[in-house]
Amino acid sequence: MPTVTENDLQELKDLINHRFDELDHHVQALDHRLSLYVTKTDERLEAIKENLADLKKQSDKQDNRLWVLISAMFMALIGLLFKISLNP
Protein backbone atom coordinates (compact mmCIF):
# COMPACT_ATOMS: atom_id res chain seq x y z
CA MET A 1 0.00 0.00 0.00
CA PRO A 2 1.49 3.33 -1.02
CA THR A 3 2.02 5.92 1.62
CA VAL A 4 1.34 9.61 1.22
CA THR A 5 4.21 11.79 2.21
CA GLU A 6 4.07 15.33 3.39
CA ASN A 7 5.73 16.36 0.15
CA ASP A 8 2.86 14.86 -1.84
CA LEU A 9 0.33 16.67 0.31
CA GLN A 10 2.20 19.95 -0.18
CA GLU A 11 2.17 19.44 -3.96
CA LEU A 12 -1.57 18.77 -3.90
CA LYS A 13 -2.14 21.83 -1.75
CA ASP A 14 -0.07 23.99 -4.11
CA LEU A 15 -1.93 22.61 -7.13
CA ILE A 16 -5.32 23.32 -5.54
CA ASN A 17 -4.23 26.83 -4.51
CA HIS A 18 -2.92 27.48 -8.02
CA ARG A 19 -6.24 26.38 -9.54
CA PHE A 20 -8.18 28.62 -7.16
CA ASP A 21 -5.90 31.55 -8.01
CA GLU A 22 -6.55 30.96 -11.72
CA LEU A 23 -10.28 30.77 -11.05
CA ASP A 24 -10.15 33.97 -9.02
CA HIS A 25 -8.27 35.69 -11.85
CA HIS A 26 -10.91 34.58 -14.39
CA VAL A 27 -13.74 35.74 -12.13
CA GLN A 28 -12.09 39.16 -11.73
CA ALA A 29 -11.67 39.44 -15.52
CA LEU A 30 -15.34 38.55 -16.04
CA ASP A 31 -16.37 41.05 -13.38
CA HIS A 32 -14.36 43.75 -15.11
CA ARG A 33 -15.90 42.93 -18.50
CA LEU A 34 -19.36 42.89 -16.98
CA SER A 35 -18.88 46.28 -15.34
CA LEU A 36 -17.70 47.71 -18.67
CA TYR A 37 -20.76 46.25 -20.39
CA VAL A 38 -23.07 47.72 -17.75
CA THR A 39 -21.41 51.12 -18.08
CA LYS A 40 -21.77 51.08 -21.88
CA THR A 41 -25.39 50.01 -21.57
CA ASP A 42 -26.13 52.84 -19.14
CA GLU A 43 -24.52 55.34 -21.51
CA ARG A 44 -26.60 54.03 -24.41
CA LEU A 45 -29.78 54.25 -22.36
CA GLU A 46 -29.00 57.86 -21.44
CA ALA A 47 -28.40 58.67 -25.10
CA ILE A 48 -31.74 57.06 -26.01
CA LYS A 49 -33.50 59.08 -23.31
CA GLU A 50 -31.98 62.30 -24.65
CA ASN A 51 -33.02 61.40 -28.21
CA LEU A 52 -36.57 60.68 -27.07
CA ALA A 53 -36.73 64.03 -25.28
CA ASP A 54 -35.53 65.77 -28.47
CA LEU A 55 -38.16 63.93 -30.51
CA LYS A 56 -40.86 65.01 -28.06
CA LYS A 57 -39.75 68.65 -28.37
CA GLN A 58 -39.82 68.40 -32.17
CA SER A 59 -43.26 66.83 -32.07
CA ASP A 60 -44.55 69.64 -29.87
CA LYS A 61 -43.16 72.22 -32.32
CA GLN A 62 -44.82 70.44 -35.24
CA ASP A 63 -48.15 70.39 -33.38
CA ASN A 64 -47.85 74.14 -32.85
CA ARG A 65 -47.09 74.69 -36.53
CA LEU A 66 -50.10 72.62 -37.52
CA TRP A 67 -52.44 74.67 -35.31
CA VAL A 68 -51.01 77.91 -36.65
CA LEU A 69 -51.60 76.69 -40.20
CA ILE A 70 -55.17 75.61 -39.42
CA SER A 71 -55.88 78.93 -37.68
CA ALA A 72 -54.49 80.90 -40.63
CA MET A 73 -56.60 78.94 -43.09
CA PHE A 74 -59.70 79.46 -40.93
CA MET A 75 -59.07 83.20 -40.71
CA ALA A 76 -58.54 83.39 -44.48
CA LEU A 77 -61.81 81.52 -45.04
CA ILE A 78 -63.69 83.87 -42.73
CA GLY A 79 -62.12 86.86 -44.48
CA LEU A 80 -63.13 85.46 -47.86
CA LEU A 81 -66.70 84.86 -46.65
CA PHE A 82 -66.95 88.44 -45.33
CA LYS A 83 -65.56 89.80 -48.58
CA ILE A 84 -68.06 87.81 -50.67
CA SER A 85 -71.00 88.65 -48.39
CA LEU A 86 -70.25 92.40 -48.13
CA ASN A 87 -69.37 92.92 -51.83
CA PRO A 88 -72.24 91.70 -53.98
PDB file of N, CA and C in Angstrom:
ATOM      1  N   MET A   1       0.834  -1.164   0.000  1.00  0.00           N
ATOM      2  CA  MET A   1       0.000   0.000   0.000  1.00  0.00           C
ATOM      3  C   MET A   1       0.891   1.243   0.000  1.00  0.00           C
ATOM      4  N   PRO A   2       0.634   2.149  -0.959  1.00  0.00           N
ATOM      5  CA  PRO A   2       1.494   3.334  -1.024  1.00  0.00           C
ATOM      6  C   PRO A   2       1.187   4.282   0.124  1.00  0.00           C
ATOM      7  N   THR A   3       2.184   4.953   0.542  1.00  0.00           N
ATOM      8  CA  THR A   3       2.016   5.925   1.616  1.00  0.00           C
ATOM      9  C   THR A   3       2.079   7.337   1.030  1.00  0.00           C
ATOM     10  N   VAL A   4       1.363   8.211   1.653  1.00  0.00           N
ATOM     11  CA  VAL A   4       1.344   9.607   1.216  1.00  0.00           C
ATOM     12  C   VAL A   4       2.299  10.374   2.103  1.00  0.00           C
ATOM     13  N   THR A   5       3.224  11.024   1.446  1.00  0.00           N
ATOM     14  CA  THR A   5       4.207  11.788   2.214  1.00  0.00           C
ATOM     15  C   THR A   5       3.736  13.231   2.345  1.00  0.00           C
ATOM     16  N   GLU A   6       4.402  13.923   3.192  1.00  0.00           N
ATOM     17  CA  GLU A   6       4.066  15.330   3.389  1.00  0.00           C
ATOM     18  C   GLU A   6       4.374  16.138   2.132  1.00  0.00           C
ATOM     19  N   ASN A   7       5.376  15.709   1.421  1.00  0.00           N
ATOM     20  CA  ASN A   7       5.735  16.357   0.154  1.00  0.00           C
ATOM     21  C   ASN A   7       4.593  16.240  -0.856  1.00  0.00           C
ATOM     22  N   ASP A   8       3.993  15.062  -0.936  1.00  0.00           N
ATOM     23  CA  ASP A   8       2.858  14.858  -1.843  1.00  0.00           C
ATOM     24  C   ASP A   8       1.679  15.749  -1.451  1.00  0.00           C
ATOM     25  N   LEU A   9       1.421  15.816  -0.165  1.00  0.00           N
ATOM     26  CA  LEU A   9       0.331  16.668   0.306  1.00  0.00           C
ATOM     27  C   LEU A   9       0.585  18.139  -0.017  1.00  0.00           C
ATOM     28  N   GLN A  10       1.845  18.557   0.132  1.00  0.00           N
ATOM     29  CA  GLN A  10       2.204  19.946  -0.176  1.00  0.00           C
ATOM     30  C   GLN A  10       1.997  20.226  -1.670  1.00  0.00           C
ATOM     31  N   GLU A  11       2.354  19.269  -2.518  1.00  0.00           N
ATOM     32  CA  GLU A  11       2.169  19.439  -3.964  1.00  0.00           C
ATOM     33  C   GLU A  11       0.678  19.550  -4.304  1.00  0.00           C
ATOM     34  N   LEU A  12      -0.128  18.703  -3.672  1.00  0.00           N
ATOM     35  CA  LEU A  12      -1.574  18.773  -3.899  1.00  0.00           C
ATOM     36  C   LEU A  12      -2.150  20.108  -3.421  1.00  0.00           C
ATOM     37  N   LYS A  13      -1.672  20.549  -2.289  1.00  0.00           N
ATOM     38  CA  LYS A  13      -2.137  21.826  -1.748  1.00  0.00           C
ATOM     39  C   LYS A  13      -1.752  22.971  -2.693  1.00  0.00           C
ATOM     40  N   ASP A  14      -0.517  22.960  -3.181  1.00  0.00           N
ATOM     41  CA  ASP A  14      -0.067  23.990  -4.112  1.00  0.00           C
ATOM     42  C   ASP A  14      -0.873  23.958  -5.415  1.00  0.00           C
ATOM     43  N   LEU A  15      -1.149  22.758  -5.899  1.00  0.00           N
ATOM     44  CA  LEU A  15      -1.933  22.610  -7.128  1.00  0.00           C
ATOM     45  C   LEU A  15      -3.353  23.168  -6.946  1.00  0.00           C
ATOM     46  N   ILE A  16      -3.967  22.828  -5.826  1.00  0.00           N
ATOM     47  CA  ILE A  16      -5.319  23.321  -5.536  1.00  0.00           C
ATOM     48  C   ILE A  16      -5.310  24.837  -5.394  1.00  0.00           C
ATOM     49  N   ASN A  17      -4.332  25.369  -4.676  1.00  0.00           N
ATOM     50  CA  ASN A  17      -4.234  26.830  -4.509  1.00  0.00           C
ATOM     51  C   ASN A  17      -4.015  27.519  -5.850  1.00  0.00           C
ATOM     52  N   HIS A  18      -3.185  26.907  -6.706  1.00  0.00           N
ATOM     53  CA  HIS A  18      -2.921  27.481  -8.017  1.00  0.00           C
ATOM     54  C   HIS A  18      -4.201  27.515  -8.857  1.00  0.00           C
ATOM     55  N   ARG A  19      -4.980  26.434  -8.799  1.00  0.00           N
ATOM     56  CA  ARG A  19      -6.241  26.384  -9.544  1.00  0.00           C
ATOM     57  C   ARG A  19      -7.230  27.438  -9.032  1.00  0.00           C
ATOM     58  N   PHE A  20      -7.288  27.610  -7.719  1.00  0.00           N
ATOM     59  CA  PHE A  20      -8.177  28.621  -7.163  1.00  0.00           C
ATOM     60  C   PHE A  20      -7.715  30.028  -7.525  1.00  0.00           C
ATOM     61  N   ASP A  21      -6.418  30.247  -7.579  1.00  0.00           N
ATOM     62  CA  ASP A  21      -5.896  31.547  -8.007  1.00  0.00           C
ATOM     63  C   ASP A  21      -6.265  31.829  -9.466  1.00  0.00           C
ATOM     64  N   GLU A  22      -6.153  30.803 -10.318  1.00  0.00           N
ATOM     65  CA  GLU A  22      -6.552  30.963 -11.720  1.00  0.00           C
ATOM     66  C   GLU A  22      -8.043  31.276 -11.821  1.00  0.00           C
ATOM     67  N   LEU A  23      -8.837  30.548 -11.047  1.00  0.00           N
ATOM     68  CA  LEU A  23     -10.276  30.766 -11.052  1.00  0.00           C
ATOM     69  C   LEU A  23     -10.611  32.176 -10.574  1.00  0.00           C
ATOM     70  N   ASP A  24      -9.940  32.624  -9.538  1.00  0.00           N
ATOM     71  CA  ASP A  24     -10.151  33.974  -9.022  1.00  0.00           C
ATOM     72  C   ASP A  24      -9.786  35.016 -10.079  1.00  0.00           C
ATOM     73  N   HIS A  25      -8.698  34.771 -10.794  1.00  0.00           N
ATOM     74  CA  HIS A  25      -8.275  35.689 -11.854  1.00  0.00           C
ATOM     75  C   HIS A  25      -9.332  35.750 -12.955  1.00  0.00           C
ATOM     76  N   HIS A  26      -9.880  34.616 -13.347  1.00  0.00           N
ATOM     77  CA  HIS A  26     -10.911  34.580 -14.386  1.00  0.00           C
ATOM     78  C   HIS A  26     -12.191  35.286 -13.923  1.00  0.00           C
ATOM     79  N   VAL A  27     -12.547  35.094 -12.668  1.00  0.00           N
ATOM     80  CA  VAL A  27     -13.745  35.741 -12.130  1.00  0.00           C
ATOM     81  C   VAL A  27     -13.554  37.262 -12.108  1.00  0.00           C
ATOM     82  N   GLN A  28     -12.366  37.716 -11.736  1.00  0.00           N
ATOM     83  CA  GLN A  28     -12.094  39.155 -11.734  1.00  0.00           C
ATOM     84  C   GLN A  28     -12.147  39.723 -13.151  1.00  0.00           C
ATOM     85  N   ALA A  29     -11.631  38.994 -14.127  1.00  0.00           N
ATOM     86  CA  ALA A  29     -11.675  39.441 -15.522  1.00  0.00           C
ATOM     87  C   ALA A  29     -13.118  39.520 -16.009  1.00  0.00           C
ATOM     88  N   LEU A  30     -13.924  38.526 -15.664  1.00  0.00           N
ATOM     89  CA  LEU A  30     -15.338  38.553 -16.043  1.00  0.00           C
ATOM     90  C   LEU A  30     -16.075  39.702 -15.365  1.00  0.00           C
ATOM     91  N   ASP A  31     -15.753  39.948 -14.110  1.00  0.00           N
ATOM     92  CA  ASP A  31     -16.371  41.047 -13.383  1.00  0.00           C
ATOM     93  C   ASP A  31     -16.025  42.383 -14.039  1.00  0.00           C
ATOM     94  N   HIS A  32     -14.790  42.521 -14.448  1.00  0.00           N
ATOM     95  CA  HIS A  32     -14.356  43.751 -15.113  1.00  0.00           C
ATOM     96  C   HIS A  32     -15.099  43.934 -16.437  1.00  0.00           C
ATOM     97  N   ARG A  33     -15.192  42.857 -17.222  1.00  0.00           N
ATOM     98  CA  ARG A  33     -15.905  42.932 -18.499  1.00  0.00           C
ATOM     99  C   ARG A  33     -17.384  43.250 -18.285  1.00  0.00           C
ATOM    100  N   LEU A  34     -17.957  42.646 -17.267  1.00  0.00           N
ATOM    101  CA  LEU A  34     -19.361  42.886 -16.976  1.00  0.00           C
ATOM    102  C   LEU A  34     -19.594  44.338 -16.556  1.00  0.00           C
ATOM    103  N   SER A  35     -18.722  44.882 -15.750  1.00  0.00           N
ATOM    104  CA  SER A  35     -18.880  46.279 -15.337  1.00  0.00           C
ATOM    105  C   SER A  35     -18.724  47.221 -16.529  1.00  0.00           C
ATOM    106  N   LEU A  36     -17.828  46.900 -17.457  1.00  0.00           N
ATOM    107  CA  LEU A  36     -17.696  47.710 -18.669  1.00  0.00           C
ATOM    108  C   LEU A  36     -18.970  47.631 -19.501  1.00  0.00           C
ATOM    109  N   TYR A  37     -19.531  46.437 -19.626  1.00  0.00           N
ATOM    110  CA  TYR A  37     -20.755  46.246 -20.385  1.00  0.00           C
ATOM    111  C   TYR A  37     -21.913  47.027 -19.763  1.00  0.00           C
ATOM    112  N   VAL A  38     -22.011  47.002 -18.449  1.00  0.00           N
ATOM    113  CA  VAL A  38     -23.075  47.724 -17.755  1.00  0.00           C
ATOM    114  C   VAL A  38     -22.905  49.226 -17.958  1.00  0.00           C
ATOM    115  N   THR A  39     -21.674  49.696 -17.885  1.00  0.00           N
ATOM    116  CA  THR A  39     -21.411  51.118 -18.085  1.00  0.00           C
ATOM    117  C   THR A  39     -21.795  51.546 -19.495  1.00  0.00           C
ATOM    118  N   LYS A  40     -21.415  50.752 -20.492  1.00  0.00           N
ATOM    119  CA  LYS A  40     -21.766  51.082 -21.875  1.00  0.00           C
ATOM    120  C   LYS A  40     -23.278  51.057 -22.069  1.00  0.00           C
ATOM    121  N   THR A  41     -23.941  50.097 -21.460  1.00  0.00           N
ATOM    122  CA  THR A  41     -25.394  50.007 -21.574  1.00  0.00           C
ATOM    123  C   THR A  41     -26.061  51.228 -20.943  1.00  0.00           C
ATOM    124  N   ASP A  42     -25.569  51.649 -19.789  1.00  0.00           N
ATOM    125  CA  ASP A  42     -26.126  52.842 -19.141  1.00  0.00           C
ATOM    126  C   ASP A  42     -25.938  54.078 -20.013  1.00  0.00           C
ATOM    127  N   GLU A  43     -24.762  54.201 -20.634  1.00  0.00           N
ATOM    128  CA  GLU A  43     -24.515  55.341 -21.511  1.00  0.00           C
ATOM    129  C   GLU A  43     -25.466  55.319 -22.705  1.00  0.00           C
ATOM    130  N   ARG A  44     -25.682  54.141 -23.266  1.00  0.00           N
ATOM    131  CA  ARG A  44     -26.600  54.030 -24.407  1.00  0.00           C
ATOM    132  C   ARG A  44     -28.025  54.373 -23.999  1.00  0.00           C
ATOM    133  N   LEU A  45     -28.435  53.935 -22.830  1.00  0.00           N
ATOM    134  CA  LEU A  45     -29.781  54.251 -22.357  1.00  0.00           C
ATOM    135  C   LEU A  45     -29.955  55.753 -22.152  1.00  0.00           C
ATOM    136  N   GLU A  46     -28.941  56.406 -21.616  1.00  0.00           N
ATOM    137  CA  GLU A  46     -29.000  57.859 -21.438  1.00  0.00           C
ATOM    138  C   GLU A  46     -29.099  58.558 -22.780  1.00  0.00           C
ATOM    139  N   ALA A  47     -28.343  58.077 -23.767  1.00  0.00           N
ATOM    140  CA  ALA A  47     -28.401  58.669 -25.103  1.00  0.00           C
ATOM    141  C   ALA A  47     -29.791  58.482 -25.704  1.00  0.00           C
ATOM    142  N   ILE A  48     -30.386  57.317 -25.507  1.00  0.00           N
ATOM    143  CA  ILE A  48     -31.737  57.060 -26.013  1.00  0.00           C
ATOM    144  C   ILE A  48     -32.743  57.983 -25.328  1.00  0.00           C
ATOM    145  N   LYS A  49     -32.599  58.177 -24.023  1.00  0.00           N
ATOM    146  CA  LYS A  49     -33.505  59.081 -23.306  1.00  0.00           C
ATOM    147  C   LYS A  49     -33.394  60.500 -23.851  1.00  0.00           C
ATOM    148  N   GLU A  50     -32.169  60.956 -24.105  1.00  0.00           N
ATOM    149  CA  GLU A  50     -31.975  62.298 -24.654  1.00  0.00           C
ATOM    150  C   GLU A  50     -32.608  62.411 -26.039  1.00  0.00           C
ATOM    151  N   ASN A  51     -32.428  61.384 -26.865  1.00  0.00           N
ATOM    152  CA  ASN A  51     -33.015  61.405 -28.206  1.00  0.00           C
ATOM    153  C   ASN A  51     -34.542  61.431 -28.144  1.00  0.00           C
ATOM    154  N   LEU A  52     -35.119  60.678 -27.222  1.00  0.00           N
ATOM    155  CA  LEU A  52     -36.571  60.681 -27.071  1.00  0.00           C
ATOM    156  C   LEU A  52     -37.075  62.042 -26.612  1.00  0.00           C
ATOM    157  N   ALA A  53     -36.338  62.692 -25.729  1.00  0.00           N
ATOM    158  CA  ALA A  53     -36.728  64.029 -25.281  1.00  0.00           C
ATOM    159  C   ALA A  53     -36.671  65.017 -26.450  1.00  0.00           C
ATOM    160  N   ASP A  54     -35.635  64.899 -27.291  1.00  0.00           N
ATOM    161  CA  ASP A  54     -35.528  65.766 -28.468  1.00  0.00           C
ATOM    162  C   ASP A  54     -36.687  65.513 -29.430  1.00  0.00           C
ATOM    163  N   LEU A  55     -37.040  64.252 -29.630  1.00  0.00           N
ATOM    164  CA  LEU A  55     -38.162  63.927 -30.508  1.00  0.00           C
ATOM    165  C   LEU A  55     -39.474  64.491 -29.975  1.00  0.00           C
ATOM    166  N   LYS A  56     -39.638  64.453 -28.663  1.00  0.00           N
ATOM    167  CA  LYS A  56     -40.858  65.012 -28.063  1.00  0.00           C
ATOM    168  C   LYS A  56     -40.921  66.516 -28.289  1.00  0.00           C
ATOM    169  N   LYS A  57     -39.785  67.197 -28.135  1.00  0.00           N
ATOM    170  CA  LYS A  57     -39.751  68.646 -28.375  1.00  0.00           C
ATOM    171  C   LYS A  57     -40.086  68.948 -29.833  1.00  0.00           C
ATOM    172  N   GLN A  58     -39.533  68.187 -30.754  1.00  0.00           N
ATOM    173  CA  GLN A  58     -39.817  68.400 -32.172  1.00  0.00           C
ATOM    174  C   GLN A  58     -41.284  68.147 -32.481  1.00  0.00           C
ATOM    175  N   SER A  59     -41.849  67.131 -31.866  1.00  0.00           N
ATOM    176  CA  SER A  59     -43.257  66.825 -32.069  1.00  0.00           C
ATOM    177  C   SER A  59     -44.127  67.963 -31.566  1.00  0.00           C
ATOM    178  N   ASP A  60     -43.788  68.511 -30.405  1.00  0.00           N
ATOM    179  CA  ASP A  60     -44.552  69.642 -29.870  1.00  0.00           C
ATOM    180  C   ASP A  60     -44.481  70.838 -30.815  1.00  0.00           C
ATOM    181  N   LYS A  61     -43.316  71.106 -31.374  1.00  0.00           N
ATOM    182  CA  LYS A  61     -43.161  72.217 -32.316  1.00  0.00           C
ATOM    183  C   LYS A  61     -44.007  71.986 -33.559  1.00  0.00           C
ATOM    184  N   GLN A  62     -44.017  70.738 -34.047  1.00  0.00           N
ATOM    185  CA  GLN A  62     -44.816  70.443 -35.236  1.00  0.00           C
ATOM    186  C   GLN A  62     -46.304  70.579 -34.943  1.00  0.00           C
ATOM    187  N   ASP A  63     -46.736  70.209 -33.756  1.00  0.00           N
ATOM    188  CA  ASP A  63     -48.145  70.392 -33.381  1.00  0.00           C
ATOM    189  C   ASP A  63     -48.496  71.869 -33.392  1.00  0.00           C
ATOM    190  N   ASN A  64     -47.611  72.708 -32.863  1.00  0.00           N
ATOM    191  CA  ASN A  64     -47.855  74.145 -32.849  1.00  0.00           C
ATOM    192  C   ASN A  64     -47.941  74.683 -34.274  1.00  0.00           C
ATOM    193  N   ARG A  65     -47.061  74.239 -35.139  1.00  0.00           N
ATOM    194  CA  ARG A  65     -47.090  74.694 -36.529  1.00  0.00           C
ATOM    195  C   ARG A  65     -48.396  74.289 -37.203  1.00  0.00           C
ATOM    196  N   LEU A  66     -48.856  73.094 -36.929  1.00  0.00           N
ATOM    197  CA  LEU A  66     -50.101  72.623 -37.517  1.00  0.00           C
ATOM    198  C   LEU A  66     -51.264  73.501 -37.082  1.00  0.00           C
ATOM    199  N   TRP A  67     -51.336  73.835 -35.796  1.00  0.00           N
ATOM    200  CA  TRP A  67     -52.436  74.665 -35.311  1.00  0.00           C
ATOM    201  C   TRP A  67     -52.351  76.077 -35.868  1.00  0.00           C
ATOM    202  N   VAL A  68     -51.164  76.583 -36.042  1.00  0.00           N
ATOM    203  CA  VAL A  68     -51.015  77.913 -36.648  1.00  0.00           C
ATOM    204  C   VAL A  68     -51.500  77.875 -38.089  1.00  0.00           C
ATOM    205  N   LEU A  69     -51.151  76.822 -38.819  1.00  0.00           N
ATOM    206  CA  LEU A  69     -51.600  76.689 -40.198  1.00  0.00           C
ATOM    207  C   LEU A  69     -53.121  76.568 -40.280  1.00  0.00           C
ATOM    208  N   ILE A  70     -53.716  75.769 -39.428  1.00  0.00           N
ATOM    209  CA  ILE A  70     -55.175  75.607 -39.419  1.00  0.00           C
ATOM    210  C   ILE A  70     -55.848  76.926 -39.055  1.00  0.00           C
ATOM    211  N   SER A  71     -55.315  77.639 -38.076  1.00  0.00           N
ATOM    212  CA  SER A  71     -55.880  78.934 -37.685  1.00  0.00           C
ATOM    213  C   SER A  71     -55.779  79.935 -38.821  1.00  0.00           C
ATOM    214  N   ALA A  72     -54.656  79.974 -39.514  1.00  0.00           N
ATOM    215  CA  ALA A  72     -54.486  80.900 -40.627  1.00  0.00           C
ATOM    216  C   ALA A  72     -55.470  80.580 -41.751  1.00  0.00           C
ATOM    217  N   MET A  73     -55.653  79.322 -42.042  1.00  0.00           N
ATOM    218  CA  MET A  73     -56.604  78.937 -43.089  1.00  0.00           C
ATOM    219  C   MET A  73     -58.042  79.296 -42.685  1.00  0.00           C
ATOM    220  N   PHE A  74     -58.361  79.109 -41.423  1.00  0.00           N
ATOM    221  CA  PHE A  74     -59.697  79.455 -40.931  1.00  0.00           C
ATOM    222  C   PHE A  74     -59.941  80.959 -41.027  1.00  0.00           C
ATOM    223  N   MET A  75     -58.943  81.737 -40.631  1.00  0.00           N
ATOM    224  CA  MET A  75     -59.071  83.198 -40.711  1.00  0.00           C
ATOM    225  C   MET A  75     -59.198  83.649 -42.168  1.00  0.00           C
ATOM    226  N   ALA A  76     -58.444  83.034 -43.063  1.00  0.00           N
ATOM    227  CA  ALA A  76     -58.543  83.386 -44.478  1.00  0.00           C
ATOM    228  C   ALA A  76     -59.927  83.034 -45.019  1.00  0.00           C
ATOM    229  N   LEU A  77     -60.472  81.917 -44.611  1.00  0.00           N
ATOM    230  CA  LEU A  77     -61.807  81.521 -45.043  1.00  0.00           C
ATOM    231  C   LEU A  77     -62.862  82.503 -44.544  1.00  0.00           C
ATOM    232  N   ILE A  78     -62.751  82.894 -43.288  1.00  0.00           N
ATOM    233  CA  ILE A  78     -63.695  83.873 -42.726  1.00  0.00           C
ATOM    234  C   ILE A  78     -63.560  85.208 -43.467  1.00  0.00           C
ATOM    235  N   GLY A  79     -62.333  85.618 -43.725  1.00  0.00           N
ATOM    236  CA  GLY A  79     -62.119  86.857 -44.476  1.00  0.00           C
ATOM    237  C   GLY A  79     -62.720  86.776 -45.868  1.00  0.00           C
ATOM    238  N   LEU A  80     -62.560  85.653 -46.527  1.00  0.00           N
ATOM    239  CA  LEU A  80     -63.127  85.465 -47.858  1.00  0.00           C
ATOM    240  C   LEU A  80     -64.653  85.490 -47.814  1.00  0.00           C
ATOM    241  N   LEU A  81     -65.237  84.848 -46.800  1.00  0.00           N
ATOM    242  CA  LEU A  81     -66.696  84.858 -46.650  1.00  0.00           C
ATOM    243  C   LEU A  81     -67.221  86.268 -46.404  1.00  0.00           C
ATOM    244  N   PHE A  82     -66.545  87.054 -45.568  1.00  0.00           N
ATOM    245  CA  PHE A  82     -66.955  88.437 -45.327  1.00  0.00           C
ATOM    246  C   PHE A  82     -66.845  89.264 -46.605  1.00  0.00           C
ATOM    247  N   LYS A  83     -65.765  89.048 -47.337  1.00  0.00           N
ATOM    248  CA  LYS A  83     -65.556  89.802 -48.584  1.00  0.00           C
ATOM    249  C   LYS A  83     -66.664  89.498 -49.583  1.00  0.00           C
ATOM    250  N   ILE A  84     -67.028  88.220 -49.727  1.00  0.00           N
ATOM    251  CA  ILE A  84     -68.061  87.813 -50.667  1.00  0.00           C
ATOM    252  C   ILE A  84     -69.424  88.326 -50.193  1.00  0.00           C
ATOM    253  N   SER A  85     -69.685  88.235 -48.886  1.00  0.00           N
ATOM    254  CA  SER A  85     -71.004  88.650 -48.391  1.00  0.00           C
ATOM    255  C   SER A  85     -71.172  90.175 -48.377  1.00  0.00           C
ATOM    256  N   LEU A  86     -70.127  90.940 -48.197  1.00  0.00           N
ATOM    257  CA  LEU A  86     -70.247  92.397 -48.131  1.00  0.00           C
ATOM    258  C   LEU A  86     -70.125  93.033 -49.511  1.00  0.00           C
ATOM    259  N   ASN A  87     -69.502  92.389 -50.471  1.00  0.00           N
ATOM    260  CA  ASN A  87     -69.370  92.919 -51.830  1.00  0.00           C
ATOM    261  C   ASN A  87     -70.185  92.060 -52.793  1.00  0.00           C
ATOM    262  N   PRO A  88     -71.399  92.531 -53.111  1.00  0.00           N
ATOM    263  CA  PRO A  88     -72.238  91.698 -53.978  1.00  0.00           C
ATOM    264  C   PRO A  88     -71.788  91.649 -55.413  1.00  0.00           C
TER     265      PRO A  88
END
